[in-house]
Amino acid sequence: MAENRSIFQFKQFALAHGNPGLKITTEACLFGAWSAQFPQQNTLDIGTGCGLLIGMLSQAHPNAHFTGIEIQPEVAKLAEENTSSLSNAHIQIHANALENYSGKHDFILCNPPFFINHLKNKDASKNQAMHSDTLSPAELASGIQRLLSPEGKFTVLYPPVGMKQFEEAAKEKGLYVNQICEVKHQASHETLRLMAQGSFQEGRKVQEILIIKNPDESYSDAFIRLLKPYYLIFD
């Protein structure tokens, strides 16, 4: 096993993560559980990393087909190894850049790189996973516009600044954010991430707030409800 690689154990599957690429985060798991609520039959995960989102969504939608694209070949190999052990047989992983991939999907999701003009890590695979110069909000919006079926939906995860840039770029491509979930560590804290769901259809935007932890540092009911199907700590 590669140095610094860890195993993240979920209720129904386990994933190796951390080398190459990034480690699994709470926000990414929350995004996966939130995205799993939406109907889907043919799902595309852009920048699949270790295969976390495919693992979570395939548990929730065992009859759906899943495709993961990952620009880094060594990370794509890790995703392929991880997803090969999942019970869902309808999973494909491609070592490919977004602009080189073609196909139509009724559901697209992406937890994109979001650091802008930050100091870069010495690890090249972590740089690509973390920094938006490898997949800008405008490039992601263009890719979703090209690959999403007319009645399809998409979900994305960004910090507030990145989400603003993505919404502006998406609107130029005829895509509309119809639902926003604001994620905070605690109610008194600033917004940590924004999870968005959208489509080609413009409608009234639904907005909600999800708090990860209560003032006493216990997990909130909303967080537990979403992650209970996946996290071992929630019986």
C-alpha atoms as a PDB file:
ATOM      1  CA  MET A   1       0.000   0.000   0.000  1.00  0.00           C
ATOM      2  CA  ALA A   2       1.307   3.481  -0.850  1.00  0.00           C
ATOM      3  CA  GLU A   3       2.860   5.564   1.902  1.00  0.00           C
ATOM      4  CA  ASN A   4       0.359   7.843   3.704  1.00  0.00           C
ATOM      5  CA  ARG A   5      -2.589   5.976   2.183  1.00  0.00           C
ATOM      6  CA  SER A   6      -5.428   5.284   4.608  1.00  0.00           C
ATOM      7  CA  ILE A   7      -8.583   3.174   4.565  1.00  0.00           C
ATOM      8  CA  PHE A   8     -11.924   4.901   5.199  1.00  0.00           C
ATOM      9  CA  GLN A   9     -14.456   2.337   6.370  1.00  0.00           C
ATOM     10  CA  PHE A  10     -18.126   2.976   5.653  1.00  0.00           C
ATOM     11  CA  LYS A  11     -21.026   0.712   6.603  1.00  0.00           C
ATOM     12  CA  GLN A  12     -21.198  -1.071   3.254  1.00  0.00           C
ATOM     13  CA  PHE A  13     -17.803  -0.406   1.650  1.00  0.00           C
ATOM     14  CA  ALA A  14     -14.252   0.771   2.320  1.00  0.00           C
ATOM     15  CA  LEU A  15     -12.079   3.138   0.276  1.00  0.00           C
ATOM     16  CA  ALA A  16      -8.323   3.646   0.138  1.00  0.00           C
ATOM     17  CA  HIS A  17      -7.522   7.365   0.012  1.00  0.00           C
ATOM     18  CA  GLY A  18      -4.809   9.956   0.528  1.00  0.00           C
ATOM     19  CA  ASN A  19      -1.968   8.880  -1.742  1.00  0.00           C
ATOM     20  CA  PRO A  20      -2.218   9.614  -4.601  1.00  0.00           C
ATOM     21  CA  GLY A  21      -4.687  12.479  -4.338  1.00  0.00           C
ATOM     22  CA  LEU A  22      -6.490  13.929  -1.353  1.00  0.00           C
ATOM     23  CA  LYS A  23      -7.921  12.357   1.770  1.00  0.00           C
ATOM     24  CA  ILE A  24     -11.666  11.972   2.249  1.00  0.00           C
ATOM     25  CA  THR A  25     -13.213  14.948   4.062  1.00  0.00           C
ATOM     26  CA  THR A  26     -16.383  15.469   6.063  1.00  0.00           C
ATOM     27  CA  GLU A  27     -17.635  18.013   3.518  1.00  0.00           C
ATOM     28  CA  ALA A  28     -17.147  15.575   0.637  1.00  0.00           C
ATOM     29  CA  CYS A  29     -19.060  12.853   2.502  1.00  0.00           C
ATOM     30  CA  LEU A  30     -21.841  15.305   3.284  1.00  0.00           C
ATOM     31  CA  PHE A  31     -21.987  16.325  -0.377  1.00  0.00           C
ATOM     32  CA  GLY A  32     -22.225  12.683  -1.436  1.00  0.00           C
ATOM     33  CA  ALA A  33     -25.069  11.957   0.972  1.00  0.00           C
ATOM     34  CA  TRP A  34     -26.901  15.140  -0.067  1.00  0.00           C
ATOM     35  CA  SER A  35     -26.486  14.380  -3.789  1.00  0.00           C
ATOM     36  CA  ALA A  36     -27.710  10.815  -3.274  1.00  0.00           C
ATOM     37  CA  GLN A  37     -31.174  12.201  -2.446  1.00  0.00           C
ATOM     38  CA  PHE A  38     -31.801  13.104  -6.102  1.00  0.00           C
ATOM     39  CA  PRO A  39     -33.132  10.576  -8.664  1.00  0.00           C
ATOM     40  CA  GLN A  40     -30.529   9.284 -11.111  1.00  0.00           C
ATOM     41  CA  GLN A  41     -30.035   6.488 -13.611  1.00  0.00           C
ATOM     42  CA  ASN A  42     -26.871   7.448 -15.501  1.00  0.00           C
ATOM     43  CA  THR A  43     -24.502   9.469 -13.328  1.00  0.00           C
ATOM     44  CA  LEU A  44     -21.223  11.218 -14.162  1.00  0.00           C
ATOM     45  CA  ASP A  45     -18.743  12.114 -11.411  1.00  0.00           C
ATOM     46  CA  ILE A  46     -16.320  14.769 -12.675  1.00  0.00           C
ATOM     47  CA  GLY A  47     -12.951  14.514 -10.927  1.00  0.00           C
ATOM     48  CA  THR A  48     -13.845  11.323  -9.129  1.00  0.00           C
ATOM     49  CA  GLY A  49     -10.702  11.183  -6.978  1.00  0.00           C
ATOM     50  CA  CYS A  50     -10.660   7.975  -4.941  1.00  0.00           C
ATOM     51  CA  GLY A  51     -14.244   7.179  -5.997  1.00  0.00           C
ATOM     52  CA  LEU A  52     -15.939   8.423  -2.820  1.00  0.00           C
ATOM     53  CA  LEU A  53     -19.011   9.951  -4.461  1.00  0.00           C
ATOM     54  CA  ILE A  54     -19.571   6.947  -6.718  1.00  0.00           C
ATOM     55  CA  GLY A  55     -19.331   4.685  -3.681  1.00  0.00           C
ATOM     56  CA  MET A  56     -21.966   6.630  -1.794  1.00  0.00           C
ATOM     57  CA  LEU A  57     -24.337   7.152  -4.718  1.00  0.00           C
ATOM     58  CA  SER A  58     -24.102   3.565  -5.921  1.00  0.00           C
ATOM     59  CA  GLN A  59     -25.175   2.418  -2.460  1.00  0.00           C
ATOM     60  CA  ALA A  60     -28.239   4.673  -2.651  1.00  0.00           C
ATOM     61  CA  HIS A  61     -28.989   3.838  -6.316  1.00  0.00           C
ATOM     62  CA  PRO A  62     -27.868   0.221  -6.872  1.00  0.00           C
ATOM     63  CA  ASN A  63     -29.508  -0.051 -10.307  1.00  0.00           C
ATOM     64  CA  ALA A  64     -27.995   3.132 -11.736  1.00  0.00           C
ATOM     65  CA  HIS A  65     -24.960   3.352 -14.026  1.00  0.00           C
ATOM     66  CA  PHE A  66     -21.964   5.393 -12.861  1.00  0.00           C
ATOM     67  CA  THR A  67     -19.033   6.902 -14.747  1.00  0.00           C
ATOM     68  CA  GLY A  68     -16.105   8.612 -13.069  1.00  0.00           C
ATOM     69  CA  ILE A  69     -13.579  10.729 -14.959  1.00  0.00           C
ATOM     70  CA  GLU A  70     -10.264  11.678 -13.381  1.00  0.00           C
ATOM     71  CA  ILE A  71      -7.494  13.671 -15.069  1.00  0.00           C
ATOM     72  CA  GLN A  72      -4.685  12.083 -13.030  1.00  0.00           C
ATOM     73  CA  PRO A  73      -3.995   8.512 -14.239  1.00  0.00           C
ATOM     74  CA  GLU A  74      -2.619   7.324 -10.897  1.00  0.00           C
ATOM     75  CA  VAL A  75      -5.677   8.646  -9.049  1.00  0.00           C
ATOM     76  CA  ALA A  76      -7.995   7.118 -11.656  1.00  0.00           C
ATOM     77  CA  LYS A  77      -6.282   3.779 -11.021  1.00  0.00           C
ATOM     78  CA  LEU A  78      -6.979   4.134  -7.294  1.00  0.00           C
ATOM     79  CA  ALA A  79     -10.642   4.916  -8.031  1.00  0.00           C
ATOM     80  CA  GLU A  80     -10.848   1.872 -10.273  1.00  0.00           C
ATOM     81  CA  GLU A  81      -9.378  -0.328  -7.531  1.00  0.00           C
ATOM     82  CA  ASN A  82     -11.788   1.089  -4.957  1.00  0.00           C
ATOM     83  CA  THR A  83     -14.934   0.843  -7.068  1.00  0.00           C
ATOM     84  CA  SER A  84     -14.131  -2.673  -8.304  1.00  0.00           C
ATOM     85  CA  SER A  85     -14.995  -3.944  -4.832  1.00  0.00           C
ATOM     86  CA  LEU A  86     -18.424  -2.281  -4.769  1.00  0.00           C
ATOM     87  CA  SER A  87     -21.539  -4.373  -5.230  1.00  0.00           C
ATOM     88  CA  ASN A  88     -22.747  -2.181  -8.115  1.00  0.00           C
ATOM     89  CA  ALA A  89     -21.486  -3.720 -11.355  1.00  0.00           C
ATOM     90  CA  HIS A  90     -22.409  -0.688 -13.495  1.00  0.00           C
ATOM     91  CA  ILE A  91     -19.327   1.460 -12.782  1.00  0.00           C
ATOM     92  CA  GLN A  92     -16.694   2.743 -15.217  1.00  0.00           C
ATOM     93  CA  ILE A  93     -13.642   4.879 -14.425  1.00  0.00           C
ATOM     94  CA  HIS A  94     -11.843   6.826 -17.172  1.00  0.00           C
ATOM     95  CA  ALA A  95      -8.463   8.543 -16.887  1.00  0.00           C
ATOM     96  CA  ASN A  96      -9.516  11.531 -18.935  1.00  0.00           C
ATOM     97  CA  ALA A  97      -9.810  15.302 -18.861  1.00  0.00           C
ATOM     98  CA  LEU A  98     -13.291  16.805 -18.852  1.00  0.00           C
ATOM     99  CA  GLU A  99     -12.849  18.433 -22.264  1.00  0.00           C
ATOM    100  CA  ASN A 100     -11.958  15.067 -23.837  1.00  0.00           C
ATOM    101  CA  TYR A 101     -14.931  13.155 -22.458  1.00  0.00           C
ATOM    102  CA  SER A 102     -18.195  12.764 -24.382  1.00  0.00           C
ATOM    103  CA  GLY A 103     -21.566  11.303 -23.445  1.00  0.00           C
ATOM    104  CA  LYS A 104     -24.918  12.316 -21.993  1.00  0.00           C
ATOM    105  CA  HIS A 105     -25.953  11.847 -18.370  1.00  0.00           C
ATOM    106  CA  ASP A 106     -29.139  12.499 -16.429  1.00  0.00           C
ATOM    107  CA  PHE A 107     -27.144  13.374 -13.304  1.00  0.00           C
ATOM    108  CA  ILE A 108     -23.732  15.041 -13.026  1.00  0.00           C
ATOM    109  CA  LEU A 109     -21.912  15.908  -9.824  1.00  0.00           C
ATOM    110  CA  CYS A 110     -18.572  17.462  -9.021  1.00  0.00           C
ATOM    111  CA  ASN A 111     -16.559  18.335  -5.934  1.00  0.00           C
ATOM    112  CA  PRO A 112     -14.130  20.551  -7.852  1.00  0.00           C
ATOM    113  CA  PRO A 113     -10.745  22.019  -6.927  1.00  0.00           C
ATOM    114  CA  PHE A 114     -11.329  25.425  -5.391  1.00  0.00           C
ATOM    115  CA  PHE A 115      -8.145  27.068  -4.087  1.00  0.00           C
ATOM    116  CA  ILE A 116      -7.351  30.182  -6.105  1.00  0.00           C
ATOM    117  CA  ASN A 117      -3.854  31.739  -5.989  1.00  0.00           C
ATOM    118  CA  HIS A 118      -2.894  29.804  -2.852  1.00  0.00           C
ATOM    119  CA  LEU A 119       0.543  28.373  -2.130  1.00  0.00           C
ATOM    120  CA  LYS A 120       0.844  25.009  -3.804  1.00  0.00           C
ATOM    121  CA  ASN A 121       1.727  21.674  -2.251  1.00  0.00           C
ATOM    122  CA  LYS A 122       4.914  19.867  -3.291  1.00  0.00           C
ATOM    123  CA  ASP A 123       2.778  16.858  -4.243  1.00  0.00           C
ATOM    124  CA  ALA A 124       1.676  17.318  -7.881  1.00  0.00           C
ATOM    125  CA  SER A 125      -1.377  15.076  -7.489  1.00  0.00           C
ATOM    126  CA  LYS A 126      -2.583  17.129  -4.516  1.00  0.00           C
ATOM    127  CA  ASN A 127      -2.022  20.371  -6.453  1.00  0.00           C
ATOM    128  CA  GLN A 128      -4.301  19.241  -9.267  1.00  0.00           C
ATOM    129  CA  ALA A 129      -6.938  18.068  -6.805  1.00  0.00           C
ATOM    130  CA  MET A 130      -6.916  21.320  -4.823  1.00  0.00           C
ATOM    131  CA  HIS A 131      -6.291  24.231  -7.192  1.00  0.00           C
ATOM    132  CA  SER A 132      -8.893  25.671  -9.528  1.00  0.00           C
ATOM    133  CA  ASP A 133      -6.423  26.389 -12.329  1.00  0.00           C
ATOM    134  CA  THR A 134      -6.916  22.725 -13.322  1.00  0.00           C
ATOM    135  CA  LEU A 135     -10.740  23.056 -13.527  1.00  0.00           C
ATOM    136  CA  SER A 136     -12.160  26.555 -13.256  1.00  0.00           C
ATOM    137  CA  PRO A 137     -15.837  27.246 -12.449  1.00  0.00           C
ATOM    138  CA  ALA A 138     -16.320  28.391 -16.056  1.00  0.00           C
ATOM    139  CA  GLU A 139     -14.786  25.185 -17.437  1.00  0.00           C
ATOM    140  CA  LEU A 140     -16.965  23.073 -15.155  1.00  0.00           C
ATOM    141  CA  ALA A 141     -20.116  24.939 -16.206  1.00  0.00           C
ATOM    142  CA  SER A 142     -19.198  24.451 -19.865  1.00  0.00           C
ATOM    143  CA  GLY A 143     -18.622  20.736 -19.309  1.00  0.00           C
ATOM    144  CA  ILE A 144     -21.932  20.257 -17.512  1.00  0.00           C
ATOM    145  CA  GLN A 145     -23.784  22.167 -20.245  1.00  0.00           C
ATOM    146  CA  ARG A 146     -22.286  19.847 -22.872  1.00  0.00           C
ATOM    147  CA  LEU A 147     -22.806  16.533 -21.037  1.00  0.00           C
ATOM    148  CA  LEU A 148     -26.101  16.971 -19.166  1.00  0.00           C
ATOM    149  CA  SER A 149     -29.273  15.565 -20.729  1.00  0.00           C
ATOM    150  CA  PRO A 150     -32.084  18.121 -21.315  1.00  0.00           C
ATOM    151  CA  GLU A 151     -34.091  17.031 -18.256  1.00  0.00           C
ATOM    152  CA  GLY A 152     -31.041  16.172 -16.148  1.00  0.00           C
ATOM    153  CA  LYS A 153     -29.820  17.625 -12.864  1.00  0.00           C
ATOM    154  CA  PHE A 154     -26.394  18.457 -11.475  1.00  0.00           C
ATOM    155  CA  THR A 155     -24.882  19.077  -8.048  1.00  0.00           C
ATOM    156  CA  VAL A 156     -21.667  20.916  -7.167  1.00  0.00           C
ATOM    157  CA  LEU A 157     -19.782  21.757  -3.971  1.00  0.00           C
ATOM    158  CA  TYR A 158     -17.908  25.045  -3.541  1.00  0.00           C
ATOM    159  CA  PRO A 159     -16.830  27.594  -0.930  1.00  0.00           C
ATOM    160  CA  PRO A 160     -18.941  30.789  -1.167  1.00  0.00           C
ATOM    161  CA  VAL A 161     -16.583  32.662  -3.537  1.00  0.00           C
ATOM    162  CA  GLY A 162     -16.284  29.691  -5.875  1.00  0.00           C
ATOM    163  CA  MET A 163     -20.042  29.150  -5.905  1.00  0.00           C
ATOM    164  CA  LYS A 164     -20.647  32.763  -6.922  1.00  0.00           C
ATOM    165  CA  GLN A 165     -18.245  32.335  -9.848  1.00  0.00           C
ATOM    166  CA  PHE A 166     -19.836  29.040 -10.825  1.00  0.00           C
ATOM    167  CA  GLU A 167     -23.398  30.413 -10.733  1.00  0.00           C
ATOM    168  CA  GLU A 168     -22.414  33.300 -12.996  1.00  0.00           C
ATOM    169  CA  ALA A 169     -20.665  30.980 -15.455  1.00  0.00           C
ATOM    170  CA  ALA A 170     -23.523  28.455 -15.368  1.00  0.00           C
ATOM    171  CA  LYS A 171     -26.133  31.096 -16.154  1.00  0.00           C
ATOM    172  CA  GLU A 172     -24.174  32.089 -19.261  1.00  0.00           C
ATOM    173  CA  LYS A 173     -24.470  28.449 -20.384  1.00  0.00           C
ATOM    174  CA  GLY A 174     -28.215  28.268 -19.773  1.00  0.00           C
ATOM    175  CA  LEU A 175     -27.849  26.383 -16.480  1.00  0.00           C
ATOM    176  CA  TYR A 176     -29.663  27.452 -13.323  1.00  0.00           C
ATOM    177  CA  VAL A 177     -29.051  26.705  -9.656  1.00  0.00           C
ATOM    178  CA  ASN A 178     -32.431  25.767  -8.178  1.00  0.00           C
ATOM    179  CA  GLN A 179     -31.387  24.675  -4.700  1.00  0.00           C
ATOM    180  CA  ILE A 180     -28.639  25.838  -2.350  1.00  0.00           C
ATOM    181  CA  CYS A 181     -27.656  24.198   0.928  1.00  0.00           C
ATOM    182  CA  GLU A 182     -25.407  26.347   3.095  1.00  0.00           C
ATOM    183  CA  VAL A 183     -23.091  24.226   5.266  1.00  0.00           C
ATOM    184  CA  LYS A 184     -21.781  25.528   8.588  1.00  0.00           C
ATOM    185  CA  HIS A 185     -19.691  23.728  11.195  1.00  0.00           C
ATOM    186  CA  GLN A 186     -21.841  25.338  13.898  1.00  0.00           C
ATOM    187  CA  ALA A 187     -24.731  27.796  13.710  1.00  0.00           C
ATOM    188  CA  SER A 188     -22.561  30.696  14.913  1.00  0.00           C
ATOM    189  CA  HIS A 189     -19.814  30.022  12.364  1.00  0.00           C
ATOM    190  CA  GLU A 190     -19.353  31.417   8.879  1.00  0.00           C
ATOM    191  CA  THR A 191     -20.414  29.389   5.865  1.00  0.00           C
ATOM    192  CA  LEU A 192     -17.980  26.544   5.223  1.00  0.00           C
ATOM    193  CA  ARG A 193     -19.304  25.245   1.898  1.00  0.00           C
ATOM    194  CA  LEU A 194     -22.297  25.591  -0.406  1.00  0.00           C
ATOM    195  CA  MET A 195     -23.943  22.576  -2.031  1.00  0.00           C
ATOM    196  CA  ALA A 196     -25.986  23.401  -5.120  1.00  0.00           C
ATOM    197  CA  GLN A 197     -28.430  21.497  -7.311  1.00  0.00           C
ATOM    198  CA  GLY A 198     -29.411  22.783 -10.718  1.00  0.00           C
ATOM    199  CA  SER A 199     -30.639  22.048 -14.233  1.00  0.00           C
ATOM    200  CA  PHE A 200     -31.484  23.661 -17.568  1.00  0.00           C
ATOM    201  CA  GLN A 201     -34.854  24.692 -16.110  1.00  0.00           C
ATOM    202  CA  GLU A 202     -35.038  27.987 -14.248  1.00  0.00           C
ATOM    203  CA  GLY A 203     -37.209  28.018 -11.142  1.00  0.00           C
ATOM    204  CA  ARG A 204     -37.573  29.506  -7.695  1.00  0.00           C
ATOM    205  CA  LYS A 205     -34.358  28.915  -5.780  1.00  0.00           C
ATOM    206  CA  VAL A 206     -34.794  26.873  -2.588  1.00  0.00           C
ATOM    207  CA  GLN A 207     -32.308  27.789   0.135  1.00  0.00           C
ATOM    208  CA  GLU A 208     -31.499  25.900   3.321  1.00  0.00           C
ATOM    209  CA  ILE A 209     -28.841  25.776   6.031  1.00  0.00           C
ATOM    210  CA  LEU A 210     -27.249  22.589   7.329  1.00  0.00           C
ATOM    211  CA  ILE A 211     -25.332  22.685  10.599  1.00  0.00           C
ATOM    212  CA  ILE A 212     -22.769  19.908  11.118  1.00  0.00           C
ATOM    213  CA  LYS A 213     -22.418  20.153  14.901  1.00  0.00           C
ATOM    214  CA  ASN A 214     -24.405  21.421  17.873  1.00  0.00           C
ATOM    215  CA  PRO A 215     -22.876  23.859  20.413  1.00  0.00           C
ATOM    216  CA  ASP A 216     -21.754  20.890  22.547  1.00  0.00           C
ATOM    217  CA  GLU A 217     -19.853  19.444  19.530  1.00  0.00           C
ATOM    218  CA  SER A 218     -22.316  16.574  19.078  1.00  0.00           C
ATOM    219  CA  TYR A 219     -23.490  15.983  15.516  1.00  0.00           C
ATOM    220  CA  SER A 220     -26.728  17.694  14.496  1.00  0.00           C
ATOM    221  CA  ASP A 221     -29.867  15.702  13.697  1.00  0.00           C
ATOM    222  CA  ALA A 222     -29.728  16.897  10.074  1.00  0.00           C
ATOM    223  CA  PHE A 223     -26.138  15.699   9.659  1.00  0.00           C
ATOM    224  CA  ILE A 224     -26.904  12.337  11.267  1.00  0.00           C
ATOM    225  CA  ARG A 225     -29.975  11.859   9.077  1.00  0.00           C
ATOM    226  CA  LEU A 226     -27.920  12.293   5.897  1.00  0.00           C
ATOM    227  CA  LEU A 227     -24.859  10.280   6.938  1.00  0.00           C
ATOM    228  CA  LYS A 228     -26.539   7.494   8.917  1.00  0.00           C
ATOM    229  CA  PRO A 229     -26.706   5.138   5.912  1.00  0.00           C
ATOM    230  CA  TYR A 230     -22.919   5.462   5.496  1.00  0.00           C
ATOM    231  CA  TYR A 231     -21.092   6.282   8.755  1.00  0.00           C
ATOM    232  CA  LEU A 232     -20.288   3.461  11.173  1.00  0.00           C
ATOM    233  CA  ILE A 233     -20.633   5.794  14.165  1.00  0.00           C
ATOM    234  CA  PHE A 234     -24.344   6.285  13.448  1.00  0.00           C
ATOM    235  CA  ASP A 235     -26.098   3.020  14.319  1.00  0.00           C
END
